[in-house]
Amino acid sequence: MDIEIIKSPSDGVIKMMRSRLFSKDFLESEKFDTVGLVQGKLVEMFVATDIAEKTAAVDVVEIKGICPQHFTMIAVLGDIASVKEALNNIAKEFKERVSQ
């Protein structure tokens, strides 16, 4: 699983995300200053979405892509503190699962 964070995403990042969302108007209506990106297997993205939404005041959207290995990506949107908290809990939860 790969996890990255973008503080104050540029217009180019927003355009790329908008072009890969199922709901094109989603980014228009939402207020956020940070984007957390999480990429992994589909089942991991369902679990990561659940963790993020239960952890902090964030919105999570699926990012469409073409990947023959069946990887997918989610974007965790919100303020910097909430996105960091959500990403840290995702990383912690998956680290703990691997070590069990």
C-alpha atoms as a PDB file:
ATOM      1  CA  MET A   1       0.000   0.000   0.000  1.00  0.00           C
ATOM      2  CA  ASP A   2       1.278   3.472  -0.869  1.00  0.00           C
ATOM      3  CA  ILE A   3       0.273   6.552   1.124  1.00  0.00           C
ATOM      4  CA  GLU A   4       1.113  10.146   0.164  1.00  0.00           C
ATOM      5  CA  ILE A   5      -0.066  13.593   1.259  1.00  0.00           C
ATOM      6  CA  ILE A   6      -0.377  16.825  -0.729  1.00  0.00           C
ATOM      7  CA  LYS A   7      -0.706  20.042   1.260  1.00  0.00           C
ATOM      8  CA  SER A   8      -2.375  22.893  -0.622  1.00  0.00           C
ATOM      9  CA  PRO A   9      -2.844  20.936  -3.877  1.00  0.00           C
ATOM     10  CA  SER A  10      -2.151  22.871  -7.059  1.00  0.00           C
ATOM     11  CA  ASP A  11      -4.755  23.550  -9.727  1.00  0.00           C
ATOM     12  CA  GLY A  12      -3.133  20.832 -11.840  1.00  0.00           C
ATOM     13  CA  VAL A  13      -3.625  18.238  -9.100  1.00  0.00           C
ATOM     14  CA  ILE A  14      -7.271  19.254  -8.714  1.00  0.00           C
ATOM     15  CA  LYS A  15      -7.795  18.992 -12.497  1.00  0.00           C
ATOM     16  CA  MET A  16      -6.193  15.528 -12.571  1.00  0.00           C
ATOM     17  CA  MET A  17      -8.365  14.363  -9.694  1.00  0.00           C
ATOM     18  CA  ARG A  18     -11.517  15.851 -11.214  1.00  0.00           C
ATOM     19  CA  SER A  19     -10.860  14.017 -14.487  1.00  0.00           C
ATOM     20  CA  ARG A  20     -10.616  10.703 -12.613  1.00  0.00           C
ATOM     21  CA  LEU A  21     -13.644  10.997 -10.332  1.00  0.00           C
ATOM     22  CA  PHE A  22     -16.982   9.330 -10.964  1.00  0.00           C
ATOM     23  CA  SER A  23     -18.756  12.456  -9.702  1.00  0.00           C
ATOM     24  CA  LYS A  24     -17.181  15.370 -11.573  1.00  0.00           C
ATOM     25  CA  ASP A  25     -18.832  18.059  -9.458  1.00  0.00           C
ATOM     26  CA  PHE A  26     -17.664  16.618  -6.135  1.00  0.00           C
ATOM     27  CA  LEU A  27     -14.472  18.695  -5.950  1.00  0.00           C
ATOM     28  CA  GLU A  28     -16.400  21.830  -6.895  1.00  0.00           C
ATOM     29  CA  SER A  29     -18.607  21.698  -3.817  1.00  0.00           C
ATOM     30  CA  GLU A  30     -16.128  20.478  -1.210  1.00  0.00           C
ATOM     31  CA  LYS A  31     -13.769  22.642   0.827  1.00  0.00           C
ATOM     32  CA  PHE A  32     -10.405  21.061   1.565  1.00  0.00           C
ATOM     33  CA  ASP A  33      -6.798  22.169   1.781  1.00  0.00           C
ATOM     34  CA  THR A  34      -5.090  18.785   1.900  1.00  0.00           C
ATOM     35  CA  VAL A  35      -5.305  15.599  -0.155  1.00  0.00           C
ATOM     36  CA  GLY A  36      -4.184  12.234   1.162  1.00  0.00           C
ATOM     37  CA  LEU A  37      -3.707   9.581  -1.511  1.00  0.00           C
ATOM     38  CA  VAL A  38      -3.853   5.887  -0.676  1.00  0.00           C
ATOM     39  CA  GLN A  39      -3.246   3.225  -3.322  1.00  0.00           C
ATOM     40  CA  GLY A  40      -3.604  -0.509  -2.893  1.00  0.00           C
ATOM     41  CA  LYS A  41      -5.798  -3.503  -3.524  1.00  0.00           C
ATOM     42  CA  LEU A  42      -9.526  -2.893  -3.790  1.00  0.00           C
ATOM     43  CA  VAL A  43     -10.285  -4.696  -0.541  1.00  0.00           C
ATOM     44  CA  GLU A  44      -7.678  -2.554   1.236  1.00  0.00           C
ATOM     45  CA  MET A  45      -9.292   0.609  -0.119  1.00  0.00           C
ATOM     46  CA  PHE A  46     -12.663  -0.353   1.335  1.00  0.00           C
ATOM     47  CA  VAL A  47     -11.040  -0.904   4.727  1.00  0.00           C
ATOM     48  CA  ALA A  48      -8.936   2.270   4.422  1.00  0.00           C
ATOM     49  CA  THR A  49     -12.042   4.314   3.566  1.00  0.00           C
ATOM     50  CA  ASP A  50     -13.843   2.953   6.613  1.00  0.00           C
ATOM     51  CA  ILE A  51     -10.875   3.744   8.872  1.00  0.00           C
ATOM     52  CA  ALA A  52     -10.487   7.278   7.477  1.00  0.00           C
ATOM     53  CA  GLU A  53     -14.157   8.176   7.802  1.00  0.00           C
ATOM     54  CA  LYS A  54     -14.382   6.790  11.351  1.00  0.00           C
ATOM     55  CA  THR A  55     -11.150   8.508  12.409  1.00  0.00           C
ATOM     56  CA  ALA A  56     -11.543  12.116  11.338  1.00  0.00           C
ATOM     57  CA  ALA A  57     -13.758  14.699   9.678  1.00  0.00           C
ATOM     58  CA  VAL A  58     -12.694  13.857   6.118  1.00  0.00           C
ATOM     59  CA  ASP A  59     -14.341  13.027   2.820  1.00  0.00           C
ATOM     60  CA  VAL A  60     -13.107  10.025   0.858  1.00  0.00           C
ATOM     61  CA  VAL A  61     -13.519   9.565  -2.892  1.00  0.00           C
ATOM     62  CA  GLU A  62     -12.367   6.813  -5.225  1.00  0.00           C
ATOM     63  CA  ILE A  63      -9.971   7.815  -7.978  1.00  0.00           C
ATOM     64  CA  LYS A  64     -10.481   5.954 -11.277  1.00  0.00           C
ATOM     65  CA  GLY A  65      -7.476   4.539 -13.045  1.00  0.00           C
ATOM     66  CA  ILE A  66      -6.290   1.799 -15.326  1.00  0.00           C
ATOM     67  CA  CYS A  67      -4.257  -0.824 -13.565  1.00  0.00           C
ATOM     68  CA  PRO A  68      -3.947  -4.434 -14.690  1.00  0.00           C
ATOM     69  CA  GLN A  69      -2.806  -5.433 -11.187  1.00  0.00           C
ATOM     70  CA  HIS A  70      -6.232  -4.430  -9.791  1.00  0.00           C
ATOM     71  CA  PHE A  71      -4.862  -1.628  -7.625  1.00  0.00           C
ATOM     72  CA  THR A  72      -7.070   1.345  -6.972  1.00  0.00           C
ATOM     73  CA  MET A  73      -6.738   4.679  -5.206  1.00  0.00           C
ATOM     74  CA  ILE A  74      -8.721   6.793  -2.810  1.00  0.00           C
ATOM     75  CA  ALA A  75      -8.337  10.481  -2.016  1.00  0.00           C
ATOM     76  CA  VAL A  76      -8.841  11.581   1.590  1.00  0.00           C
ATOM     77  CA  LEU A  77      -9.909  15.241   1.602  1.00  0.00           C
ATOM     78  CA  GLY A  78     -10.001  17.700   4.472  1.00  0.00           C
ATOM     79  CA  ASP A  79      -7.921  19.989   6.612  1.00  0.00           C
ATOM     80  CA  ILE A  80      -4.285  19.080   7.257  1.00  0.00           C
ATOM     81  CA  ALA A  81      -4.787  17.767  10.804  1.00  0.00           C
ATOM     82  CA  SER A  82      -7.766  15.568   9.887  1.00  0.00           C
ATOM     83  CA  VAL A  83      -6.115  14.111   6.779  1.00  0.00           C
ATOM     84  CA  LYS A  84      -2.883  13.368   8.681  1.00  0.00           C
ATOM     85  CA  GLU A  85      -4.853  11.688  11.469  1.00  0.00           C
ATOM     86  CA  ALA A  86      -6.787   9.557   8.976  1.00  0.00           C
ATOM     87  CA  LEU A  87      -3.646   8.548   7.035  1.00  0.00           C
ATOM     88  CA  ASN A  88      -1.732   7.745  10.222  1.00  0.00           C
ATOM     89  CA  ASN A  89      -4.554   5.494  11.422  1.00  0.00           C
ATOM     90  CA  ILE A  90      -4.722   3.740   8.056  1.00  0.00           C
ATOM     91  CA  ALA A  91      -0.964   3.121   8.117  1.00  0.00           C
ATOM     92  CA  LYS A  92      -1.083   1.968  11.742  1.00  0.00           C
ATOM     93  CA  GLU A  93      -4.010  -0.397  11.155  1.00  0.00           C
ATOM     94  CA  PHE A  94      -2.427  -2.045   8.127  1.00  0.00           C
ATOM     95  CA  LYS A  95       0.971  -2.327   9.826  1.00  0.00           C
ATOM     96  CA  GLU A  96      -0.687  -4.049  12.755  1.00  0.00           C
ATOM     97  CA  ARG A  97      -2.560  -6.417  10.453  1.00  0.00           C
ATOM     98  CA  VAL A  98       0.615  -7.446   8.642  1.00  0.00           C
ATOM     99  CA  SER A  99       2.472  -8.164  11.868  1.00  0.00           C
ATOM    100  CA  GLN A 100      -0.294 -10.326  13.377  1.00  0.00           C
END
